[in-house]
Amino acid sequence: MKIKLQVFTPKGKVFEREGDLVNFRTVEGAMGVLPRRAPIITHLAVSEVEVVDGEDREKLGVSGGFLYCDGERVVVLTSKVSER
């Protein structure tokens, strides 16, 4: 089973990808989520969000925002994204 990462800015959806793991940094520290994780809502720090799919890793810079995970998907709401 994979977990889907979706990233939204005020302009709409800017990124979508499935992976085995999503890593990110909250204002309280680093976290990672796997499929079937318990629901979470958290405040993101200005940092990177990384989706890992096997050996492949893709990073996006985010300007803070919020993250919601329901165990099947991770939704990031941010004002600005930059690919790393």
C-alpha atoms as a PDB file:
ATOM      1  CA  MET A   1       0.000   0.000   0.000  1.00  0.00           C
ATOM      2  CA  LYS A   2       1.195   3.512  -0.865  1.00  0.00           C
ATOM      3  CA  ILE A   3       0.401   6.889   0.671  1.00  0.00           C
ATOM      4  CA  LYS A   4      -0.565   9.798  -1.588  1.00  0.00           C
ATOM      5  CA  LEU A   5       0.965  13.259  -1.124  1.00  0.00           C
ATOM      6  CA  GLN A   6      -0.989  16.245  -2.433  1.00  0.00           C
ATOM      7  CA  VAL A   7       0.317  19.815  -2.132  1.00  0.00           C
ATOM      8  CA  PHE A   8      -1.954  22.834  -2.542  1.00  0.00           C
ATOM      9  CA  THR A   9      -1.219  26.564  -2.750  1.00  0.00           C
ATOM     10  CA  PRO A  10      -3.755  29.387  -3.207  1.00  0.00           C
ATOM     11  CA  LYS A  11      -3.434  28.699  -6.965  1.00  0.00           C
ATOM     12  CA  GLY A  12      -4.652  25.089  -6.556  1.00  0.00           C
ATOM     13  CA  LYS A  13      -3.011  21.663  -6.577  1.00  0.00           C
ATOM     14  CA  VAL A  14       0.674  21.983  -7.520  1.00  0.00           C
ATOM     15  CA  PHE A  15       1.975  18.487  -6.748  1.00  0.00           C
ATOM     16  CA  GLU A  16       0.674  14.935  -6.404  1.00  0.00           C
ATOM     17  CA  ARG A  17       2.591  11.701  -5.995  1.00  0.00           C
ATOM     18  CA  GLU A  18       2.340   8.332  -4.244  1.00  0.00           C
ATOM     19  CA  GLY A  19       5.114   6.851  -2.157  1.00  0.00           C
ATOM     20  CA  ASP A  20       6.039   4.577   0.715  1.00  0.00           C
ATOM     21  CA  LEU A  21       6.843   7.386   3.171  1.00  0.00           C
ATOM     22  CA  VAL A  22       6.376  11.151   3.512  1.00  0.00           C
ATOM     23  CA  ASN A  23       8.907  13.092   5.613  1.00  0.00           C
ATOM     24  CA  PHE A  24       8.427  16.682   6.803  1.00  0.00           C
ATOM     25  CA  ARG A  25       9.344  19.122   9.561  1.00  0.00           C
ATOM     26  CA  THR A  26       6.742  20.577  11.898  1.00  0.00           C
ATOM     27  CA  VAL A  27       7.277  23.563  14.171  1.00  0.00           C
ATOM     28  CA  GLU A  28       7.969  20.978  16.896  1.00  0.00           C
ATOM     29  CA  GLY A  29      10.410  18.740  14.976  1.00  0.00           C
ATOM     30  CA  ALA A  30      10.856  16.221  12.152  1.00  0.00           C
ATOM     31  CA  MET A  31       8.251  13.533  11.393  1.00  0.00           C
ATOM     32  CA  GLY A  32       7.522  10.880   8.823  1.00  0.00           C
ATOM     33  CA  VAL A  33       4.256   9.158   7.969  1.00  0.00           C
ATOM     34  CA  LEU A  34       3.585   5.723   6.527  1.00  0.00           C
ATOM     35  CA  PRO A  35       0.365   4.356   5.032  1.00  0.00           C
ATOM     36  CA  ARG A  36      -2.368   3.589   7.605  1.00  0.00           C
ATOM     37  CA  ARG A  37      -1.037   6.114  10.097  1.00  0.00           C
ATOM     38  CA  ALA A  38      -3.455   7.519  12.673  1.00  0.00           C
ATOM     39  CA  PRO A  39      -4.926  10.875  11.580  1.00  0.00           C
ATOM     40  CA  ILE A  40      -2.853  13.988  12.246  1.00  0.00           C
ATOM     41  CA  ILE A  41      -3.102  17.726  11.638  1.00  0.00           C
ATOM     42  CA  THR A  42       0.047  19.775  12.240  1.00  0.00           C
ATOM     43  CA  HIS A  43       1.683  23.143  11.593  1.00  0.00           C
ATOM     44  CA  LEU A  44       4.587  22.881   9.120  1.00  0.00           C
ATOM     45  CA  ALA A  45       7.864  24.715   9.533  1.00  0.00           C
ATOM     46  CA  VAL A  46       9.542  26.467   6.598  1.00  0.00           C
ATOM     47  CA  SER A  47      11.413  23.429   5.288  1.00  0.00           C
ATOM     48  CA  GLU A  48      11.113  20.521   2.846  1.00  0.00           C
ATOM     49  CA  VAL A  49       8.516  17.840   2.339  1.00  0.00           C
ATOM     50  CA  GLU A  50       9.994  14.610   0.971  1.00  0.00           C
ATOM     51  CA  VAL A  51       8.165  11.691  -0.619  1.00  0.00           C
ATOM     52  CA  VAL A  52      10.088   8.403  -0.700  1.00  0.00           C
ATOM     53  CA  ASP A  53       9.125   5.657  -3.142  1.00  0.00           C
ATOM     54  CA  GLY A  54      11.563   2.752  -2.915  1.00  0.00           C
ATOM     55  CA  GLU A  55      14.982   4.202  -3.797  1.00  0.00           C
ATOM     56  CA  ASP A  56      13.453   7.330  -5.391  1.00  0.00           C
ATOM     57  CA  ARG A  57      13.188  10.529  -3.311  1.00  0.00           C
ATOM     58  CA  GLU A  58      11.599  13.819  -4.318  1.00  0.00           C
ATOM     59  CA  LYS A  59      11.731  16.984  -2.217  1.00  0.00           C
ATOM     60  CA  LEU A  60       9.653  20.150  -2.290  1.00  0.00           C
ATOM     61  CA  GLY A  61      10.453  23.301  -0.362  1.00  0.00           C
ATOM     62  CA  VAL A  62       7.442  24.709   1.495  1.00  0.00           C
ATOM     63  CA  SER A  63       6.990  28.097   3.122  1.00  0.00           C
ATOM     64  CA  GLY A  64       5.315  26.687   6.217  1.00  0.00           C
ATOM     65  CA  GLY A  65       1.613  25.906   6.229  1.00  0.00           C
ATOM     66  CA  PHE A  66      -0.427  22.983   7.468  1.00  0.00           C
ATOM     67  CA  LEU A  67      -0.381  19.222   6.937  1.00  0.00           C
ATOM     68  CA  TYR A  68      -3.277  16.767   7.266  1.00  0.00           C
ATOM     69  CA  CYS A  69      -2.905  12.988   7.101  1.00  0.00           C
ATOM     70  CA  ASP A  70      -5.765  10.473   7.256  1.00  0.00           C
ATOM     71  CA  GLY A  71      -3.672   7.325   6.753  1.00  0.00           C
ATOM     72  CA  GLU A  72      -4.311   7.131   3.001  1.00  0.00           C
ATOM     73  CA  ARG A  73      -3.186  10.578   1.901  1.00  0.00           C
ATOM     74  CA  VAL A  74      -1.158  13.531   3.106  1.00  0.00           C
ATOM     75  CA  VAL A  75      -2.465  16.986   2.197  1.00  0.00           C
ATOM     76  CA  VAL A  76      -0.175  20.008   2.512  1.00  0.00           C
ATOM     77  CA  LEU A  77      -1.591  23.537   2.426  1.00  0.00           C
ATOM     78  CA  THR A  78       1.113  26.155   1.895  1.00  0.00           C
ATOM     79  CA  SER A  79       1.502  29.570   0.330  1.00  0.00           C
ATOM     80  CA  LYS A  80       4.578  28.787  -1.761  1.00  0.00           C
ATOM     81  CA  VAL A  81       6.392  25.688  -3.109  1.00  0.00           C
ATOM     82  CA  SER A  82       9.832  25.278  -4.669  1.00  0.00           C
ATOM     83  CA  GLU A  83      11.195  22.022  -6.118  1.00  0.00           C
ATOM     84  CA  ARG A  84      14.505  20.837  -4.666  1.00  0.00           C
END
